[in-house]
Amino acid sequence: MRNGLRFQKFCIQFTVAALLVMAAGNTMAAEPLTQVRSTVDEVLTLLRNKSLPHEERRQQLTAVIRPAFDFEIMSQWVLGPNWRKASPAERQRFIDLFTDLLEATYIGKIEAYTDERVEFTGQKLEGERAEVETLVKTASADIPIRYKVFRRGERWLVYDVVIEEVSLVRNYRNTYGEIVRKEGFPGLFARMEEKIREFKASKAAS
């Protein structure tokens, strides 16, 4: 129970760190940890610029986030065995919705940045894949976060984030797998569309 509460309590802090690491996808460098370090100052400057108009900041955050993920690979991992059962049209629809959902989920939370400090504690390289290990330093706890990335050309792209040993991809896979089993892809798509509308309505009201 305590781990679950901590996971929810620090969700906003996690999204701050996630953006910093995801931004690494825009930098050409030999190692994933080097990429992360080279982009942190730029992203922090954007988050700290309170004079930047609200909508413009969100557009810039979106421009940073989207190129840093491979949403197709993430979608395959999230759907698991259901990916093979889906038609080409269903696969593309899921990729589009999943991309919009992750953006809608995190873009508002990232703006709650409150100067949490991120330490980069190491990396593990295994061929074309790697993990970047970090700690989010808050006033009350140090939160370990691992970013799983893979190399595509000269870039390292994020395909999973593990917070306190809880995988983002695995969480979605468990939830979506159950929905597909009970309601099929139409039911899953309807639920995802509703979530996106809720997040967008919440952002518009803020």
C-alpha atoms as a PDB file:
ATOM      1  CA  MET A   1       0.000   0.000   0.000  1.00  0.00           C
ATOM      2  CA  ARG A   2       2.792   2.404   0.887  1.00  0.00           C
ATOM      3  CA  ASN A   3       4.505   1.901  -2.471  1.00  0.00           C
ATOM      4  CA  GLY A   4       1.234   2.557  -4.279  1.00  0.00           C
ATOM      5  CA  LEU A   5       0.661   5.778  -2.383  1.00  0.00           C
ATOM      6  CA  ARG A   6       4.199   6.937  -3.059  1.00  0.00           C
ATOM      7  CA  PHE A   7       3.752   6.157  -6.743  1.00  0.00           C
ATOM      8  CA  GLN A   8       0.639   8.335  -6.939  1.00  0.00           C
ATOM      9  CA  LYS A   9       2.030  11.083  -4.716  1.00  0.00           C
ATOM     10  CA  PHE A  10       5.079  11.609  -6.860  1.00  0.00           C
ATOM     11  CA  CYS A  11       3.391  11.272 -10.248  1.00  0.00           C
ATOM     12  CA  ILE A  12       3.944  14.942 -11.042  1.00  0.00           C
ATOM     13  CA  GLN A  13       7.606  14.796 -10.070  1.00  0.00           C
ATOM     14  CA  PHE A  14       8.014  11.773 -12.305  1.00  0.00           C
ATOM     15  CA  THR A  15       6.589  13.572 -15.304  1.00  0.00           C
ATOM     16  CA  VAL A  16       9.141  16.337 -14.801  1.00  0.00           C
ATOM     17  CA  ALA A  17      11.993  13.860 -14.891  1.00  0.00           C
ATOM     18  CA  ALA A  18      10.402  12.000 -17.768  1.00  0.00           C
ATOM     19  CA  LEU A  19      10.346  15.106 -19.901  1.00  0.00           C
ATOM     20  CA  LEU A  20      13.997  15.777 -19.202  1.00  0.00           C
ATOM     21  CA  VAL A  21      14.973  12.318 -20.335  1.00  0.00           C
ATOM     22  CA  MET A  22      12.580  12.158 -23.248  1.00  0.00           C
ATOM     23  CA  ALA A  23      14.054  15.383 -24.561  1.00  0.00           C
ATOM     24  CA  ALA A  24      17.307  13.525 -25.096  1.00  0.00           C
ATOM     25  CA  GLY A  25      15.921  12.076 -28.286  1.00  0.00           C
ATOM     26  CA  ASN A  26      16.539  15.400 -30.036  1.00  0.00           C
ATOM     27  CA  THR A  27      20.299  15.342 -29.419  1.00  0.00           C
ATOM     28  CA  MET A  28      22.916  13.492 -31.425  1.00  0.00           C
ATOM     29  CA  ALA A  29      25.431  11.865 -29.083  1.00  0.00           C
ATOM     30  CA  ALA A  30      27.239   8.588 -28.553  1.00  0.00           C
ATOM     31  CA  GLU A  31      25.641   7.524 -25.261  1.00  0.00           C
ATOM     32  CA  PRO A  32      22.099   7.874 -23.911  1.00  0.00           C
ATOM     33  CA  LEU A  33      23.214   9.355 -20.587  1.00  0.00           C
ATOM     34  CA  THR A  34      25.257  11.953 -22.434  1.00  0.00           C
ATOM     35  CA  GLN A  35      22.219  12.870 -24.468  1.00  0.00           C
ATOM     36  CA  VAL A  36      20.174  13.323 -21.321  1.00  0.00           C
ATOM     37  CA  ARG A  37      22.724  15.582 -19.697  1.00  0.00           C
ATOM     38  CA  SER A  38      23.121  17.732 -22.786  1.00  0.00           C
ATOM     39  CA  THR A  39      19.410  18.580 -22.956  1.00  0.00           C
ATOM     40  CA  VAL A  40      18.537  19.100 -19.282  1.00  0.00           C
ATOM     41  CA  ASP A  41      19.500  22.773 -19.154  1.00  0.00           C
ATOM     42  CA  GLU A  42      17.497  23.574 -22.272  1.00  0.00           C
ATOM     43  CA  VAL A  43      14.357  21.857 -20.957  1.00  0.00           C
ATOM     44  CA  LEU A  44      14.665  23.373 -17.498  1.00  0.00           C
ATOM     45  CA  THR A  45      14.961  26.810 -19.067  1.00  0.00           C
ATOM     46  CA  LEU A  46      11.706  26.200 -20.912  1.00  0.00           C
ATOM     47  CA  LEU A  47       9.910  25.014 -17.761  1.00  0.00           C
ATOM     48  CA  ARG A  48      11.210  27.906 -15.687  1.00  0.00           C
ATOM     49  CA  ASN A  49      10.247  30.548 -18.224  1.00  0.00           C
ATOM     50  CA  LYS A  50       7.042  31.729 -16.578  1.00  0.00           C
ATOM     51  CA  SER A  51       6.784  34.644 -19.004  1.00  0.00           C
ATOM     52  CA  LEU A  52       6.215  32.249 -21.894  1.00  0.00           C
ATOM     53  CA  PRO A  53       2.533  32.251 -22.902  1.00  0.00           C
ATOM     54  CA  HIS A  54       0.718  29.173 -21.640  1.00  0.00           C
ATOM     55  CA  GLU A  55      -0.272  27.749 -25.022  1.00  0.00           C
ATOM     56  CA  GLU A  56       3.103  28.480 -26.568  1.00  0.00           C
ATOM     57  CA  ARG A  57       4.873  26.618 -23.765  1.00  0.00           C
ATOM     58  CA  ARG A  58       2.614  23.617 -24.275  1.00  0.00           C
ATOM     59  CA  GLN A  59       3.333  23.629 -27.990  1.00  0.00           C
ATOM     60  CA  GLN A  60       7.053  23.680 -27.305  1.00  0.00           C
ATOM     61  CA  LEU A  61       6.740  20.860 -24.785  1.00  0.00           C
ATOM     62  CA  THR A  62       4.838  18.821 -27.347  1.00  0.00           C
ATOM     63  CA  ALA A  63       7.526  19.493 -29.930  1.00  0.00           C
ATOM     64  CA  VAL A  64      10.109  18.125 -27.474  1.00  0.00           C
ATOM     65  CA  ILE A  65       8.168  15.070 -26.316  1.00  0.00           C
ATOM     66  CA  ARG A  66       6.843  13.555 -29.520  1.00  0.00           C
ATOM     67  CA  PRO A  67      10.132  13.047 -31.405  1.00  0.00           C
ATOM     68  CA  ALA A  68      11.736  11.399 -28.367  1.00  0.00           C
ATOM     69  CA  PHE A  69       9.399   8.387 -28.243  1.00  0.00           C
ATOM     70  CA  ASP A  70       8.891   5.548 -30.651  1.00  0.00           C
ATOM     71  CA  PHE A  71       5.150   5.247 -30.134  1.00  0.00           C
ATOM     72  CA  GLU A  72       4.838   2.366 -32.579  1.00  0.00           C
ATOM     73  CA  ILE A  73       7.223   0.195 -30.549  1.00  0.00           C
ATOM     74  CA  MET A  74       5.522   1.261 -27.308  1.00  0.00           C
ATOM     75  CA  SER A  75       2.140   0.395 -28.811  1.00  0.00           C
ATOM     76  CA  GLN A  76       3.317  -3.083 -29.798  1.00  0.00           C
ATOM     77  CA  TRP A  77       4.623  -3.718 -26.277  1.00  0.00           C
ATOM     78  CA  VAL A  78       1.478  -2.332 -24.637  1.00  0.00           C
ATOM     79  CA  LEU A  79      -0.889  -4.449 -26.741  1.00  0.00           C
ATOM     80  CA  GLY A  80       1.321  -7.534 -26.453  1.00  0.00           C
ATOM     81  CA  PRO A  81      -0.379 -10.574 -28.060  1.00  0.00           C
ATOM     82  CA  ASN A  82      -3.307  -8.368 -29.093  1.00  0.00           C
ATOM     83  CA  TRP A  83      -1.035  -6.512 -31.514  1.00  0.00           C
ATOM     84  CA  ARG A  84      -0.881  -9.611 -33.710  1.00  0.00           C
ATOM     85  CA  LYS A  85      -4.663  -9.951 -33.604  1.00  0.00           C
ATOM     86  CA  ALA A  86      -5.267  -6.353 -34.675  1.00  0.00           C
ATOM     87  CA  SER A  87      -5.804  -5.342 -38.281  1.00  0.00           C
ATOM     88  CA  PRO A  88      -3.466  -2.753 -39.859  1.00  0.00           C
ATOM     89  CA  ALA A  89      -6.183  -0.114 -39.418  1.00  0.00           C
ATOM     90  CA  GLU A  90      -6.674  -1.046 -35.750  1.00  0.00           C
ATOM     91  CA  ARG A  91      -2.931  -0.909 -35.130  1.00  0.00           C
ATOM     92  CA  GLN A  92      -2.648   2.562 -36.615  1.00  0.00           C
ATOM     93  CA  ARG A  93      -5.704   3.750 -34.699  1.00  0.00           C
ATOM     94  CA  PHE A  94      -4.190   2.502 -31.452  1.00  0.00           C
ATOM     95  CA  ILE A  95      -0.841   4.203 -32.163  1.00  0.00           C
ATOM     96  CA  ASP A  96      -2.598   7.509 -32.855  1.00  0.00           C
ATOM     97  CA  LEU A  97      -4.771   7.319 -29.740  1.00  0.00           C
ATOM     98  CA  PHE A  98      -1.955   6.129 -27.488  1.00  0.00           C
ATOM     99  CA  THR A  99       0.268   8.981 -28.660  1.00  0.00           C
ATOM    100  CA  ASP A 100      -2.468  11.540 -27.996  1.00  0.00           C
ATOM    101  CA  LEU A 101      -3.297   9.980 -24.627  1.00  0.00           C
ATOM    102  CA  LEU A 102       0.258  10.057 -23.307  1.00  0.00           C
ATOM    103  CA  GLU A 103       0.661  13.632 -24.439  1.00  0.00           C
ATOM    104  CA  ALA A 104      -2.651  14.692 -22.909  1.00  0.00           C
ATOM    105  CA  THR A 105      -1.795  12.891 -19.663  1.00  0.00           C
ATOM    106  CA  TYR A 106       1.619  14.425 -19.121  1.00  0.00           C
ATOM    107  CA  ILE A 107       1.643  17.808 -20.829  1.00  0.00           C
ATOM    108  CA  GLY A 108      -0.491  19.413 -18.131  1.00  0.00           C
ATOM    109  CA  LYS A 109       1.311  17.744 -15.247  1.00  0.00           C
ATOM    110  CA  ILE A 110       4.720  18.751 -16.509  1.00  0.00           C
ATOM    111  CA  GLU A 111       3.789  22.369 -15.995  1.00  0.00           C
ATOM    112  CA  ALA A 112       3.565  21.685 -12.261  1.00  0.00           C
ATOM    113  CA  TYR A 113       7.373  21.572 -12.167  1.00  0.00           C
ATOM    114  CA  THR A 114       8.596  22.833  -8.797  1.00  0.00           C
ATOM    115  CA  ASP A 115      12.392  22.666  -9.104  1.00  0.00           C
ATOM    116  CA  GLU A 116      12.812  19.003  -8.217  1.00  0.00           C
ATOM    117  CA  ARG A 117      16.421  17.973  -8.783  1.00  0.00           C
ATOM    118  CA  VAL A 118      17.390  15.080 -11.061  1.00  0.00           C
ATOM    119  CA  GLU A 119      20.572  13.076 -10.575  1.00  0.00           C
ATOM    120  CA  PHE A 120      21.877  10.771 -13.296  1.00  0.00           C
ATOM    121  CA  THR A 121      23.294   7.753 -11.532  1.00  0.00           C
ATOM    122  CA  GLY A 122      24.369   5.512 -14.396  1.00  0.00           C
ATOM    123  CA  GLN A 123      23.542   3.667 -17.565  1.00  0.00           C
ATOM    124  CA  LYS A 124      23.515   0.100 -18.831  1.00  0.00           C
ATOM    125  CA  LEU A 125      24.297  -0.573 -22.473  1.00  0.00           C
ATOM    126  CA  GLU A 126      23.300  -3.801 -24.205  1.00  0.00           C
ATOM    127  CA  GLY A 127      23.820  -3.502 -27.945  1.00  0.00           C
ATOM    128  CA  GLU A 128      21.127  -1.306 -29.424  1.00  0.00           C
ATOM    129  CA  ARG A 129      19.275  -0.984 -26.113  1.00  0.00           C
ATOM    130  CA  ALA A 130      20.136   0.824 -22.918  1.00  0.00           C
ATOM    131  CA  GLU A 131      18.772   1.987 -19.586  1.00  0.00           C
ATOM    132  CA  VAL A 132      19.436   5.384 -18.041  1.00  0.00           C
ATOM    133  CA  GLU A 133      19.180   5.409 -14.254  1.00  0.00           C
ATOM    134  CA  THR A 134      18.139   8.547 -12.399  1.00  0.00           C
ATOM    135  CA  LEU A 135      16.982   9.770  -9.021  1.00  0.00           C
ATOM    136  CA  VAL A 136      14.376  12.479  -8.602  1.00  0.00           C
ATOM    137  CA  LYS A 137      15.380  14.359  -5.464  1.00  0.00           C
ATOM    138  CA  THR A 138      12.410  15.780  -3.557  1.00  0.00           C
ATOM    139  CA  ALA A 139      12.166  17.247  -0.081  1.00  0.00           C
ATOM    140  CA  SER A 140      10.802  14.000   1.339  1.00  0.00           C
ATOM    141  CA  ALA A 141      12.189  11.169  -0.815  1.00  0.00           C
ATOM    142  CA  ASP A 142      14.538  10.064  -3.564  1.00  0.00           C
ATOM    143  CA  ILE A 143      12.582   8.404  -6.376  1.00  0.00           C
ATOM    144  CA  PRO A 144      14.456   5.950  -8.639  1.00  0.00           C
ATOM    145  CA  ILE A 145      13.420   6.135 -12.281  1.00  0.00           C
ATOM    146  CA  ARG A 146      14.847   4.070 -15.153  1.00  0.00           C
ATOM    147  CA  TYR A 147      14.399   5.007 -18.782  1.00  0.00           C
ATOM    148  CA  LYS A 148      14.541   2.201 -21.302  1.00  0.00           C
ATOM    149  CA  VAL A 149      15.775   3.407 -24.663  1.00  0.00           C
ATOM    150  CA  PHE A 150      16.837   1.872 -27.940  1.00  0.00           C
ATOM    151  CA  ARG A 151      19.029   3.185 -30.700  1.00  0.00           C
ATOM    152  CA  ARG A 152      17.559   4.153 -34.047  1.00  0.00           C
ATOM    153  CA  GLY A 153      20.338   5.518 -36.216  1.00  0.00           C
ATOM    154  CA  GLU A 154      22.084   8.194 -34.159  1.00  0.00           C
ATOM    155  CA  ARG A 155      19.215   8.701 -31.741  1.00  0.00           C
ATOM    156  CA  TRP A 156      18.139   6.974 -28.546  1.00  0.00           C
ATOM    157  CA  LEU A 157      14.347   6.705 -28.288  1.00  0.00           C
ATOM    158  CA  VAL A 158      12.335   5.996 -25.143  1.00  0.00           C
ATOM    159  CA  TYR A 159      10.151   2.884 -25.170  1.00  0.00           C
ATOM    160  CA  ASP A 160       9.429   2.456 -21.440  1.00  0.00           C
ATOM    161  CA  VAL A 161       9.779   4.250 -18.101  1.00  0.00           C
ATOM    162  CA  VAL A 162      10.110   2.336 -14.818  1.00  0.00           C
ATOM    163  CA  ILE A 163       9.245   4.233 -11.629  1.00  0.00           C
ATOM    164  CA  GLU A 164      10.085   2.490  -8.358  1.00  0.00           C
ATOM    165  CA  GLU A 165      10.108  -0.797 -10.317  1.00  0.00           C
ATOM    166  CA  VAL A 166       6.672  -0.069 -11.835  1.00  0.00           C
ATOM    167  CA  SER A 167       6.733  -0.174 -15.646  1.00  0.00           C
ATOM    168  CA  LEU A 168       4.621   2.304 -17.588  1.00  0.00           C
ATOM    169  CA  VAL A 169       4.252  -0.160 -20.482  1.00  0.00           C
ATOM    170  CA  ARG A 170       3.346  -3.069 -18.217  1.00  0.00           C
ATOM    171  CA  ASN A 171       0.693  -1.007 -16.419  1.00  0.00           C
ATOM    172  CA  TYR A 172      -0.996  -0.076 -19.676  1.00  0.00           C
ATOM    173  CA  ARG A 173      -0.679  -3.640 -21.003  1.00  0.00           C
ATOM    174  CA  ASN A 174      -2.491  -5.101 -18.015  1.00  0.00           C
ATOM    175  CA  THR A 175      -5.297  -2.544 -18.200  1.00  0.00           C
ATOM    176  CA  TYR A 176      -5.775  -2.565 -21.955  1.00  0.00           C
ATOM    177  CA  GLY A 177      -5.484  -6.321 -22.276  1.00  0.00           C
ATOM    178  CA  GLU A 178      -8.454  -6.772 -19.969  1.00  0.00           C
ATOM    179  CA  ILE A 179     -10.510  -4.191 -21.873  1.00  0.00           C
ATOM    180  CA  VAL A 180      -9.766  -5.820 -25.239  1.00  0.00           C
ATOM    181  CA  ARG A 181     -10.723  -9.216 -23.826  1.00  0.00           C
ATOM    182  CA  LYS A 182     -14.095  -7.951 -22.625  1.00  0.00           C
ATOM    183  CA  GLU A 183     -14.974  -5.228 -25.138  1.00  0.00           C
ATOM    184  CA  GLY A 184     -12.734  -5.751 -28.153  1.00  0.00           C
ATOM    185  CA  PHE A 185     -10.827  -2.996 -29.911  1.00  0.00           C
ATOM    186  CA  PRO A 186     -13.942  -0.811 -30.401  1.00  0.00           C
ATOM    187  CA  GLY A 187     -14.434  -0.726 -26.639  1.00  0.00           C
ATOM    188  CA  LEU A 188     -10.762   0.088 -26.003  1.00  0.00           C
ATOM    189  CA  PHE A 189     -10.754   2.879 -28.569  1.00  0.00           C
ATOM    190  CA  ALA A 190     -13.921   4.379 -27.094  1.00  0.00           C
ATOM    191  CA  ARG A 191     -12.398   4.405 -23.611  1.00  0.00           C
ATOM    192  CA  MET A 192      -9.168   5.980 -24.861  1.00  0.00           C
ATOM    193  CA  GLU A 193     -11.071   8.654 -26.773  1.00  0.00           C
ATOM    194  CA  GLU A 194     -13.084   9.490 -23.667  1.00  0.00           C
ATOM    195  CA  LYS A 195      -9.917   9.808 -21.571  1.00  0.00           C
ATOM    196  CA  ILE A 196      -8.373  12.161 -24.130  1.00  0.00           C
ATOM    197  CA  ARG A 197     -11.504  14.333 -24.121  1.00  0.00           C
ATOM    198  CA  GLU A 198     -11.405  14.475 -20.317  1.00  0.00           C
ATOM    199  CA  PHE A 199      -7.775  15.565 -20.233  1.00  0.00           C
ATOM    200  CA  LYS A 200      -8.302  18.195 -22.929  1.00  0.00           C
ATOM    201  CA  ALA A 201     -11.350  19.567 -21.145  1.00  0.00           C
ATOM    202  CA  SER A 202      -9.355  19.745 -17.925  1.00  0.00           C
ATOM    203  CA  LYS A 203      -6.534  21.628 -19.665  1.00  0.00           C
ATOM    204  CA  ALA A 204      -8.977  24.071 -21.275  1.00  0.00           C
ATOM    205  CA  ALA A 205     -10.490  24.833 -17.889  1.00  0.00           C
ATOM    206  CA  SER A 206      -7.110  25.414 -16.189  1.00  0.00           C
END
